[in-house]
Amino acid sequence: MTKILLSIIVLISICSVNTPALGMNNSKIKLGIDVLIESNFEQLKGMRVALLTNHAGRTGSGELTIEAFLNTNSCTITTLLTPEHGFYTTVPAGDHVKNDELFNLPAISLYGANRRPKHKHLESCDVVVIDLQDIGIRSYTYISTMYKTMDACADFGKKVIILDRPNPLGGMIVDGNTVEPGKETFVGIIPVSYIHGCTVGELAKMINNEGWLPKDYDGNSRQCDLTVIKMEKWERWMAWEDTGLLWFPTSPHIPTVNAVRGAAMLGIVGELSVTSIGIGTTLPFQYIGSPYIKPELVEKELKQLSYQGVNLVPVRYRPFYGMYRGKDCNGWLLSFPLDNLFAPYTTGLEIMLAYRKAYPKYFTSKNIKKNSRIMFQKVTGTADLFKALMDGGSDEEVMRLARKGIEDYLPIRENYLLY
């Protein structure tokens, strides 16, 4: 492929972040919130509502979900609940979010002193409505916040309504190992594959009906009174660009849909801190590189790989902050031609294996900081993958572990697909 053609691919990718794809179905979908509004909030008439949402929770026309609720007389908002990154999605990953007052409502953070709503937070409501834009990656904590909220509602006898939204990776891509029993954490709370291929509504039904919520005081798995308000006209094959919707940042380093795709591919890579993944640049999760590598050595190994849904274009870039701040990095820009055969988790690990062959000295346990090891094991849901990658496991062993559990997950997932 010539340099001219590669440049054209990069230009098309950058220009098409929020632009309808050629040949797409131009009929705009209706989100769960749109369907609810169209019914004049029928399922919430006369009810007191606690709303779990943030700045990315919007109608198809771009109105904030919280504003749509405040503008109706059909129900009353009593409390605003917010996930990691805060209501305005500006708080960095891992930083605690404080309680606040927004829209003249108490705004209770579920990523601060509490990650599960307390009884006092829900006593003034009849129902908790959840409208969160997930990104299709298991380690993204909005799933965990939904899980904890469903558990609290089951415990305190409150109804739950999920306003469904598209998975920005589409509904067909399923990739990566599942969380091992006993390895559940807030960045891997349910036994689904790393790229789960579900909407939040589908995940909520799975959580509720598979007995994944904690056990109650009688030793039985809790179940909440759950309703999912489905989207209309969304189909599983659709990429985000096919929906006709704008993307609103869900967190500081997920400003675009291509950042979602990059995070799906490089998120676990970044936990190891052996290479930059573009954090600190204007294209987070869309660069990979280092000041200390010779790209041609890695390129030699990359040419042996066969993958779809991503192009790696040789570039040099400089992070403004974070890893390698102020240093030029030799590496690659990632662009993403739309492809439902894209396997981001697998591809990210294959790139790490290419790095390992070119620079084996970086891939030993003693060179990985303790916190990096712990976080890698948490987000992958297993200790075995780290050991194989860092202690000389074969490529085949690494890739086998990267698929572990997915065969059991797929038939479970099939039972809960709404679209």
Protein backbone atom coordinates (compact mmCIF):
# COMPACT_ATOMS: atom_id res chain seq x y z
CA MET A 1 0.00 0.00 0.00
CA THR A 2 1.49 3.33 -1.02
CA LYS A 3 2.05 6.27 1.32
CA ILE A 4 -0.53 8.26 -0.68
CA LEU A 5 -3.20 5.61 -0.15
CA LEU A 6 -2.38 5.39 3.56
CA SER A 7 -2.74 9.16 3.86
CA ILE A 8 -6.13 9.01 2.17
CA ILE A 9 -7.28 6.31 4.61
CA VAL A 10 -6.19 8.43 7.59
CA LEU A 11 -7.93 11.52 6.18
CA ILE A 12 -11.17 9.62 5.57
CA SER A 13 -11.08 8.16 9.08
CA ILE A 14 -10.49 11.51 10.76
CA CYS A 15 -13.12 13.31 8.71
CA SER A 16 -15.77 10.64 9.29
CA VAL A 17 -15.86 10.61 13.09
CA ASN A 18 -19.35 12.10 13.24
CA THR A 19 -20.19 11.93 9.54
CA PRO A 20 -22.70 9.44 8.08
CA ALA A 21 -20.94 6.55 6.36
CA LEU A 22 -21.41 6.09 2.63
CA GLY A 23 -24.26 3.72 1.87
CA MET A 24 -25.66 3.91 5.40
CA ASN A 25 -29.32 3.59 6.29
CA ASN A 26 -30.32 7.24 6.83
CA SER A 27 -33.38 6.52 8.98
CA LYS A 28 -32.61 7.91 12.40
CA ILE A 29 -33.15 5.59 15.35
CA LYS A 30 -35.21 6.39 18.42
CA LEU A 31 -33.36 6.02 21.71
CA GLY A 32 -35.07 4.69 24.82
CA ILE A 33 -35.48 8.25 26.07
CA ASP A 34 -37.10 9.25 22.76
CA VAL A 35 -39.58 6.39 23.02
CA LEU A 36 -40.39 7.40 26.60
CA ILE A 37 -40.96 11.03 25.61
CA GLU A 38 -43.14 9.99 22.67
CA SER A 39 -45.36 8.04 25.11
CA ASN A 40 -45.62 11.16 27.30
CA PHE A 41 -43.74 9.31 30.06
CA GLU A 42 -46.59 6.80 30.28
CA GLN A 43 -44.66 4.29 32.40
CA LEU A 44 -43.72 6.96 34.94
CA LYS A 45 -47.00 8.85 35.36
CA GLY A 46 -47.35 10.18 38.88
CA MET A 47 -44.10 8.60 40.03
CA ARG A 48 -41.15 10.02 41.90
CA VAL A 49 -37.94 9.40 39.97
CA ALA A 50 -34.25 9.14 40.80
CA LEU A 51 -32.35 9.53 37.53
CA LEU A 52 -28.93 7.98 36.94
CA THR A 53 -27.38 9.79 33.98
CA ASN A 54 -24.69 12.23 32.86
CA HIS A 55 -23.94 14.79 30.17
CA ALA A 56 -23.82 12.11 27.46
CA GLY A 57 -27.36 11.00 28.32
CA ARG A 58 -29.34 12.87 25.68
CA THR A 59 -32.29 12.54 23.36
CA GLY A 60 -31.78 11.88 19.67
CA SER A 61 -32.06 15.64 19.08
CA GLY A 62 -29.35 16.39 21.67
CA GLU A 63 -31.47 17.54 24.62
CA LEU A 64 -30.16 16.39 28.00
CA THR A 65 -32.22 13.55 29.46
CA ILE A 66 -32.38 15.39 32.79
CA GLU A 67 -33.87 18.43 31.04
CA ALA A 68 -36.46 16.29 29.28
CA PHE A 69 -37.53 14.96 32.68
CA LEU A 70 -37.62 18.41 34.24
CA ASN A 71 -39.82 19.64 31.37
CA THR A 72 -42.58 17.07 31.88
CA ASN A 73 -45.44 17.15 34.35
CA SER A 74 -45.96 13.39 34.14
CA CYS A 75 -43.46 12.54 36.87
CA THR A 76 -41.25 14.26 39.44
CA ILE A 77 -37.46 14.10 39.65
CA THR A 78 -36.30 13.84 43.26
CA THR A 79 -32.63 12.93 42.88
CA LEU A 80 -29.87 12.94 40.30
CA LEU A 81 -27.36 10.05 40.50
CA THR A 82 -24.02 10.31 38.68
CA PRO A 83 -21.36 7.72 37.67
CA GLU A 84 -17.57 7.91 37.34
CA HIS A 85 -16.33 11.12 35.64
CA GLY A 86 -19.19 13.15 37.17
CA PHE A 87 -22.26 14.57 35.50
CA TYR A 88 -20.27 16.65 33.03
CA THR A 89 -17.89 13.71 32.23
CA THR A 90 -14.84 15.89 32.97
CA VAL A 91 -13.39 14.15 36.04
CA PRO A 92 -10.33 11.99 35.20
CA ALA A 93 -10.55 8.20 35.42
CA GLY A 94 -10.21 6.91 38.96
CA ASP A 95 -10.73 10.31 40.64
CA HIS A 96 -13.52 10.40 43.19
CA VAL A 97 -16.54 12.54 42.36
CA LYS A 98 -18.15 14.56 45.15
CA ASN A 99 -21.84 14.97 45.82
CA ASP A 100 -23.23 18.20 44.41
CA GLU A 101 -26.39 20.11 43.65
CA LEU A 102 -27.33 20.34 39.96
CA PHE A 103 -30.56 21.53 38.32
CA ASN A 104 -31.79 22.37 41.85
CA LEU A 105 -31.56 18.68 42.71
CA PRO A 106 -29.27 16.75 45.04
CA ALA A 107 -26.66 15.11 42.78
CA ILE A 108 -25.42 11.97 44.50
CA SER A 109 -22.12 10.60 43.27
CA LEU A 110 -21.85 6.84 42.83
CA TYR A 111 -18.11 7.13 42.31
CA GLY A 112 -16.99 8.67 45.57
CA ALA A 113 -17.86 7.81 49.13
CA ASN A 114 -20.48 5.39 47.78
CA ARG A 115 -20.61 3.18 44.69
CA ARG A 116 -23.96 1.67 45.63
CA PRO A 117 -26.88 3.96 46.42
CA LYS A 118 -27.84 3.99 50.09
CA HIS A 119 -31.41 3.70 51.31
CA LYS A 120 -31.44 7.41 52.17
CA HIS A 121 -30.60 8.22 48.54
CA LEU A 122 -33.60 6.28 47.23
CA GLU A 123 -36.20 6.66 49.98
CA SER A 124 -37.81 9.66 48.26
CA CYS A 125 -38.32 7.85 44.91
CA ASP A 126 -40.53 5.10 43.52
CA VAL A 127 -38.31 4.21 40.58
CA VAL A 128 -34.71 4.63 39.42
CA VAL A 129 -34.38 5.46 35.73
CA ILE A 130 -30.97 4.72 34.19
CA ASP A 131 -29.84 6.48 31.02
CA LEU A 132 -26.10 5.91 30.56
CA GLN A 133 -24.16 5.75 27.29
CA ASP A 134 -21.93 2.71 27.67
CA ILE A 135 -19.03 2.13 25.27
CA GLY A 136 -19.25 -1.65 24.87
CA ILE A 137 -16.17 -2.46 26.98
CA ARG A 138 -16.52 -4.53 30.16
CA SER A 139 -14.00 -2.50 32.17
CA TYR A 140 -15.84 0.79 31.59
CA THR A 141 -17.44 1.37 34.98
CA TYR A 142 -20.89 2.51 33.85
CA ILE A 143 -21.87 -1.18 33.72
CA SER A 144 -20.71 -1.61 37.31
CA THR A 145 -22.62 1.47 38.45
CA MET A 146 -25.77 0.10 36.80
CA TYR A 147 -25.13 -3.24 38.52
CA LYS A 148 -24.72 -1.65 41.96
CA THR A 149 -27.82 0.48 41.44
CA MET A 150 -29.90 -2.55 40.39
CA ASP A 151 -28.70 -4.36 43.51
CA ALA A 152 -29.71 -1.46 45.76
CA CYS A 153 -33.13 -1.25 44.10
CA ALA A 154 -33.68 -4.98 44.57
CA ASP A 155 -32.71 -4.60 48.22
CA PHE A 156 -34.89 -1.53 48.90
CA GLY A 157 -37.89 -2.49 46.76
CA LYS A 158 -37.52 0.17 44.06
CA LYS A 159 -38.38 -0.30 40.39
CA VAL A 160 -35.68 0.08 37.73
CA ILE A 161 -36.22 1.38 34.20
CA ILE A 162 -33.38 1.27 31.68
CA LEU A 163 -33.54 3.69 28.75
CA ASP A 164 -31.66 1.72 26.14
CA ARG A 165 -28.90 3.11 23.92
CA PRO A 166 -26.69 1.79 21.10
CA ASN A 167 -23.46 -0.01 21.73
CA PRO A 168 -21.04 2.27 19.82
CA LEU A 169 -19.00 -0.78 18.77
CA GLY A 170 -22.16 -2.23 17.24
CA GLY A 171 -24.04 -5.26 18.47
CA MET A 172 -22.14 -8.00 16.67
CA ILE A 173 -18.56 -7.70 17.92
CA VAL A 174 -17.86 -10.06 20.84
CA ASP A 175 -14.22 -10.53 21.80
CA GLY A 176 -12.05 -11.41 24.77
CA ASN A 177 -12.03 -13.65 27.80
CA THR A 178 -14.62 -13.49 30.56
CA VAL A 179 -14.00 -12.57 34.20
CA GLU A 180 -12.93 -15.61 36.20
CA PRO A 181 -15.03 -16.54 39.26
CA GLY A 182 -13.67 -14.73 42.30
CA LYS A 183 -11.90 -12.09 40.16
CA GLU A 184 -14.84 -9.66 40.01
CA THR A 185 -13.95 -6.00 40.62
CA PHE A 186 -15.49 -2.62 39.81
CA VAL A 187 -13.69 -2.75 36.43
CA GLY A 188 -14.98 -6.26 35.73
CA ILE A 189 -18.08 -6.96 37.74
CA ILE A 190 -19.93 -9.52 35.59
CA PRO A 191 -18.75 -12.66 33.70
CA VAL A 192 -19.08 -11.31 30.17
CA SER A 193 -16.40 -11.08 27.49
CA TYR A 194 -14.24 -7.96 27.47
CA ILE A 195 -16.05 -6.72 24.35
CA HIS A 196 -19.53 -7.85 25.31
CA GLY A 197 -21.56 -7.03 22.20
CA CYS A 198 -24.66 -5.90 24.14
CA THR A 199 -26.64 -2.77 24.85
CA VAL A 200 -27.03 -1.65 28.46
CA GLY A 201 -30.62 -2.90 28.40
CA GLU A 202 -29.52 -6.35 27.30
CA LEU A 203 -26.83 -6.44 29.99
CA ALA A 204 -29.34 -5.36 32.64
CA LYS A 205 -31.70 -8.22 31.74
CA MET A 206 -28.77 -10.64 31.75
CA ILE A 207 -27.62 -9.46 35.18
CA ASN A 208 -31.13 -9.69 36.60
CA ASN A 209 -32.10 -13.08 35.21
CA GLU A 210 -28.79 -14.94 35.40
CA GLY A 211 -28.56 -14.52 39.17
CA TRP A 212 -25.49 -12.30 38.98
CA LEU A 213 -26.66 -9.81 41.61
CA PRO A 214 -25.45 -10.47 45.18
CA LYS A 215 -27.41 -12.81 47.39
CA ASP A 216 -30.06 -11.43 49.72
CA TYR A 217 -30.42 -12.18 53.41
CA ASP A 218 -32.04 -15.55 52.64
CA GLY A 219 -29.17 -16.67 50.43
CA ASN A 220 -30.98 -16.14 47.12
CA SER A 221 -29.67 -13.95 44.31
CA ARG A 222 -31.50 -10.65 44.28
CA GLN A 223 -33.73 -9.58 41.40
CA CYS A 224 -35.03 -6.08 40.83
CA ASP A 225 -38.33 -5.08 39.23
CA LEU A 226 -36.79 -4.29 35.84
CA THR A 227 -38.19 -2.71 32.69
CA VAL A 228 -36.13 -1.95 29.58
CA ILE A 229 -37.50 0.69 27.21
CA LYS A 230 -36.14 -0.46 23.88
CA MET A 231 -34.85 1.65 21.02
CA GLU A 232 -36.63 1.72 17.69
CA LYS A 233 -34.90 1.16 14.33
CA TRP A 234 -31.56 0.21 15.85
CA GLU A 235 -30.05 -2.95 14.38
CA ARG A 236 -27.10 -4.97 15.58
CA TRP A 237 -24.98 -4.42 12.48
CA MET A 238 -24.99 -0.65 12.95
CA ALA A 239 -21.83 1.25 13.72
CA TRP A 240 -22.33 4.53 15.57
CA GLU A 241 -22.05 6.41 12.29
CA ASP A 242 -25.07 4.45 11.02
CA THR A 243 -27.34 5.75 13.79
CA GLY A 244 -27.33 9.40 12.69
CA LEU A 245 -26.54 10.41 16.29
CA LEU A 246 -23.88 12.82 17.51
CA TRP A 247 -21.30 11.45 19.92
CA PHE A 248 -21.00 13.27 23.24
CA PRO A 249 -17.86 12.51 25.29
CA THR A 250 -18.53 9.92 27.96
CA SER A 251 -15.25 10.65 29.77
CA PRO A 252 -12.21 12.88 29.26
CA HIS A 253 -10.34 10.39 27.06
CA ILE A 254 -13.37 9.18 25.10
CA PRO A 255 -14.15 12.32 23.08
CA THR A 256 -14.98 10.48 19.83
CA VAL A 257 -16.25 7.14 18.61
CA ASN A 258 -12.81 6.32 17.25
CA ALA A 259 -11.50 6.77 20.80
CA VAL A 260 -14.02 4.08 21.83
CA ARG A 261 -12.60 1.75 19.19
CA GLY A 262 -9.06 2.54 20.25
CA ALA A 263 -9.89 1.99 23.93
CA ALA A 264 -11.40 -1.39 23.06
CA MET A 265 -8.10 -2.29 21.45
CA LEU A 266 -5.49 -0.51 23.60
CA GLY A 267 -7.13 -0.16 27.02
CA ILE A 268 -5.52 -3.28 28.47
CA VAL A 269 -2.23 -2.40 26.73
CA GLY A 270 -2.14 0.95 28.51
CA GLU A 271 -2.44 -0.70 31.92
CA LEU A 272 1.00 -2.30 31.44
CA SER A 273 2.75 1.06 30.82
CA VAL A 274 5.21 -0.50 28.36
CA THR A 275 4.21 1.86 25.55
CA SER A 276 2.21 5.06 25.00
CA ILE A 277 -1.37 4.66 23.79
CA GLY A 278 -1.91 8.30 22.90
CA ILE A 279 -3.11 9.51 26.29
CA GLY A 280 -1.92 13.11 26.53
CA THR A 281 -2.44 13.77 22.82
CA THR A 282 -5.43 15.10 20.91
CA LEU A 283 -6.13 11.54 19.74
CA PRO A 284 -6.31 9.40 22.91
CA PHE A 285 -6.28 5.64 22.26
CA GLN A 286 -5.47 6.28 18.60
CA TYR A 287 -1.68 6.29 18.81
CA ILE A 288 0.69 3.60 19.98
CA GLY A 289 4.43 4.12 20.28
CA SER A 290 7.51 5.04 22.29
CA PRO A 291 10.62 7.23 22.01
CA TYR A 292 12.72 4.13 22.65
CA ILE A 293 11.73 1.77 19.85
CA LYS A 294 12.79 1.34 16.26
CA PRO A 295 9.46 1.10 14.44
CA GLU A 296 10.91 -1.08 11.69
CA LEU A 297 11.64 -3.85 14.22
CA VAL A 298 8.03 -3.95 15.42
CA GLU A 299 6.76 -3.39 11.88
CA LYS A 300 8.52 -6.57 10.79
CA GLU A 301 6.49 -8.54 13.33
CA LEU A 302 3.25 -6.67 12.64
CA LYS A 303 3.43 -7.70 8.99
CA GLN A 304 3.00 -11.31 10.07
CA LEU A 305 -0.43 -10.53 11.56
CA SER A 306 -3.79 -10.71 9.84
CA TYR A 307 -6.56 -8.57 11.33
CA GLN A 308 -9.53 -6.50 10.24
CA GLY A 309 -11.13 -3.22 11.27
CA VAL A 310 -7.96 -1.20 11.93
CA ASN A 311 -5.13 0.33 9.92
CA LEU A 312 -1.78 1.16 11.54
CA VAL A 313 -0.06 4.07 9.84
CA PRO A 314 3.58 4.89 10.80
CA VAL A 315 3.82 8.35 12.42
CA ARG A 316 5.69 10.36 15.03
CA TYR A 317 3.72 12.10 17.80
CA ARG A 318 4.34 13.96 21.05
CA PRO A 319 2.16 13.65 24.20
CA PHE A 320 1.41 16.91 26.01
CA TYR A 321 1.03 15.07 29.33
CA GLY A 322 1.13 11.56 30.75
CA MET A 323 3.55 8.88 29.58
CA TYR A 324 6.50 10.32 27.56
CA ARG A 325 5.28 13.88 28.09
CA GLY A 326 7.14 16.28 25.80
CA LYS A 327 8.99 13.51 23.97
CA ASP A 328 8.58 12.49 20.34
CA CYS A 329 7.30 8.95 20.05
CA ASN A 330 7.92 6.63 17.13
CA GLY A 331 4.81 4.62 16.45
CA TRP A 332 1.54 4.32 14.61
CA LEU A 333 -1.74 6.15 14.15
CA LEU A 334 -4.78 3.87 14.31
CA SER A 335 -7.63 4.41 11.87
CA PHE A 336 -10.78 2.32 11.85
CA PRO A 337 -12.57 1.27 8.65
CA LEU A 338 -16.01 0.08 9.77
CA ASP A 339 -15.98 -3.71 10.00
CA ASN A 340 -18.10 -6.05 12.12
CA LEU A 341 -15.27 -8.59 12.02
CA PHE A 342 -13.07 -6.21 14.03
CA ALA A 343 -11.72 -8.04 17.10
CA PRO A 344 -10.18 -5.21 19.14
CA TYR A 345 -9.17 -7.13 22.29
CA THR A 346 -7.50 -9.87 20.27
CA THR A 347 -5.81 -7.37 17.95
CA GLY A 348 -4.45 -5.33 20.86
CA LEU A 349 -2.87 -8.45 22.34
CA GLU A 350 -1.45 -9.46 18.96
CA ILE A 351 0.27 -6.08 18.74
CA MET A 352 1.70 -6.65 22.21
CA LEU A 353 3.05 -10.01 21.07
CA ALA A 354 4.69 -8.25 18.11
CA TYR A 355 6.25 -5.78 20.57
CA ARG A 356 7.37 -8.69 22.74
CA LYS A 357 9.21 -10.35 19.87
CA ALA A 358 10.97 -7.10 18.95
CA TYR A 359 11.69 -5.99 22.54
CA PRO A 360 11.49 -8.99 24.91
CA LYS A 361 13.28 -7.05 27.68
CA TYR A 362 10.12 -5.00 28.29
CA PHE A 363 8.00 -8.10 28.83
CA THR A 364 9.18 -9.51 32.13
CA SER A 365 7.28 -9.32 35.41
CA LYS A 366 10.14 -7.52 37.17
CA ASN A 367 9.89 -4.61 34.71
CA ILE A 368 6.18 -4.04 35.41
CA LYS A 369 5.22 -1.89 38.38
CA LYS A 370 3.03 -3.53 41.00
CA ASN A 371 0.09 -1.19 40.41
CA SER A 372 0.26 -1.82 36.65
CA ARG A 373 0.21 -5.57 37.21
CA ILE A 374 -2.75 -5.31 39.57
CA MET A 375 -4.75 -3.10 37.20
CA PHE A 376 -3.99 -5.31 34.18
CA GLN A 377 -5.25 -8.33 36.10
CA LYS A 378 -8.35 -6.46 37.23
CA VAL A 379 -9.36 -5.21 33.78
CA THR A 380 -8.65 -8.55 32.10
CA GLY A 381 -10.36 -10.48 34.90
CA THR A 382 -7.57 -13.02 35.20
CA ALA A 383 -4.02 -13.39 36.52
CA ASP A 384 -3.11 -16.06 33.98
CA LEU A 385 -2.97 -13.72 30.99
CA PHE A 386 -0.45 -11.43 32.67
CA LYS A 387 1.71 -14.39 33.63
CA ALA A 388 1.69 -15.81 30.10
CA LEU A 389 2.45 -12.44 28.51
CA MET A 390 5.19 -11.46 30.94
CA ASP A 391 6.78 -14.78 31.91
CA GLY A 392 7.46 -16.32 28.53
CA GLY A 393 4.19 -18.00 27.65
CA SER A 394 3.88 -18.85 23.98
CA ASP A 395 1.86 -16.72 21.59
CA GLU A 396 -0.61 -19.59 21.35
CA GLU A 397 -1.00 -19.71 25.13
CA VAL A 398 -1.61 -15.95 25.34
CA MET A 399 -4.28 -16.08 22.64
CA ARG A 400 -5.93 -19.15 24.18
CA LEU A 401 -6.26 -17.31 27.49
CA ALA A 402 -7.58 -14.25 25.64
CA ARG A 403 -10.56 -16.35 24.49
CA LYS A 404 -11.15 -18.28 27.72
CA GLY A 405 -14.81 -18.40 28.75
CA ILE A 406 -16.23 -16.84 25.59
CA GLU A 407 -17.76 -20.14 24.45
CA ASP A 408 -19.85 -20.27 27.63
CA TYR A 409 -20.81 -16.60 27.41
CA LEU A 410 -22.11 -16.60 23.82
CA PRO A 411 -25.19 -18.82 24.39
CA ILE A 412 -26.06 -16.85 27.54
CA ARG A 413 -25.84 -13.61 25.59
CA GLU A 414 -28.07 -15.02 22.86
CA ASN A 415 -30.93 -15.37 25.35
CA TYR A 416 -31.02 -11.64 26.07
CA LEU A 417 -30.64 -9.98 22.69
CA LEU A 418 -33.46 -7.47 22.20
CA TYR A 419 -32.64 -6.47 18.62
